[in-house]
Amino acid sequence: MGGGGFGYFGEGGGWNTRFLRPFNDWMMEMVERFLFSLQRKRVVINLEDKLRWKKAKG
């Protein structure tokens, strides 16, 4: 989204999202869903990265 980046503030901190340009009005619903999805996530430090597959509905 806009080529921005993410930052994370240590133990018990929070996300710091940065975007390179303002959003258009038609993008706001998608941006809101994206930020709400981040709100439910947490970063676990000192663990190896891994890929998780979600089973598709249908």
Protein backbone atom coordinates (compact mmCIF):
# COMPACT_ATOMS: atom_id res chain seq x y z
CA MET A 1 0.00 0.00 0.00
CA GLY A 2 1.84 3.02 -1.18
CA GLY A 3 5.30 1.52 -0.69
CA GLY A 4 5.39 2.59 2.95
CA GLY A 5 6.70 0.53 5.80
CA PHE A 6 6.05 -0.88 9.22
CA GLY A 7 7.82 -0.33 12.49
CA TYR A 8 7.35 -2.14 15.77
CA PHE A 9 7.95 -0.78 19.24
CA GLY A 10 9.58 -3.40 21.49
CA GLU A 11 7.85 -5.38 24.22
CA GLY A 12 4.20 -4.47 24.60
CA GLY A 13 4.54 -1.67 22.07
CA GLY A 14 2.48 -1.18 18.95
CA TRP A 15 2.53 -0.89 15.20
CA ASN A 16 3.80 2.23 13.45
CA THR A 17 2.49 2.21 9.89
CA ARG A 18 3.75 4.67 7.29
CA PHE A 19 2.38 5.31 3.81
CA LEU A 20 4.02 7.38 1.11
CA ARG A 21 0.93 9.18 -0.11
CA PRO A 22 -2.57 10.04 1.10
CA PHE A 23 -5.40 7.62 0.34
CA ASN A 24 -8.20 8.35 -2.10
CA ASP A 25 -11.75 8.35 -0.74
CA TRP A 26 -12.56 5.15 -2.63
CA MET A 27 -9.68 3.35 -0.84
CA MET A 28 -10.75 4.14 2.72
CA GLU A 29 -12.92 1.05 3.31
CA MET A 30 -10.08 -1.22 2.15
CA VAL A 31 -7.53 0.65 4.30
CA GLU A 32 -9.82 0.41 7.33
CA ARG A 33 -10.18 -3.38 6.88
CA PHE A 34 -6.40 -3.69 6.50
CA LEU A 35 -5.70 -1.73 9.70
CA PHE A 36 -8.34 -3.69 11.65
CA SER A 37 -6.69 -6.93 10.50
CA LEU A 38 -3.33 -5.65 11.82
CA GLN A 39 -4.91 -4.76 15.14
CA ARG A 40 -5.48 -8.48 15.86
CA LYS A 41 -1.84 -9.42 15.12
CA ARG A 42 1.25 -9.41 17.27
CA VAL A 43 4.93 -9.78 16.55
CA VAL A 44 6.77 -12.64 18.23
CA ILE A 45 10.46 -11.80 18.44
CA ASN A 46 13.25 -14.40 18.32
CA LEU A 47 11.21 -16.94 16.36
CA GLU A 48 12.05 -18.08 12.86
CA ASP A 49 9.69 -16.81 10.15
CA LYS A 50 7.22 -19.35 8.81
CA LEU A 51 4.45 -19.56 6.27
CA ARG A 52 0.91 -20.48 7.29
CA TRP A 53 -1.69 -21.62 4.78
CA LYS A 54 -5.35 -20.92 5.42
CA LYS A 55 -7.92 -23.33 4.08
CA ALA A 56 -10.14 -21.57 1.54
CA LYS A 57 -13.84 -21.34 2.28
CA GLY A 58 -16.16 -22.92 -0.20
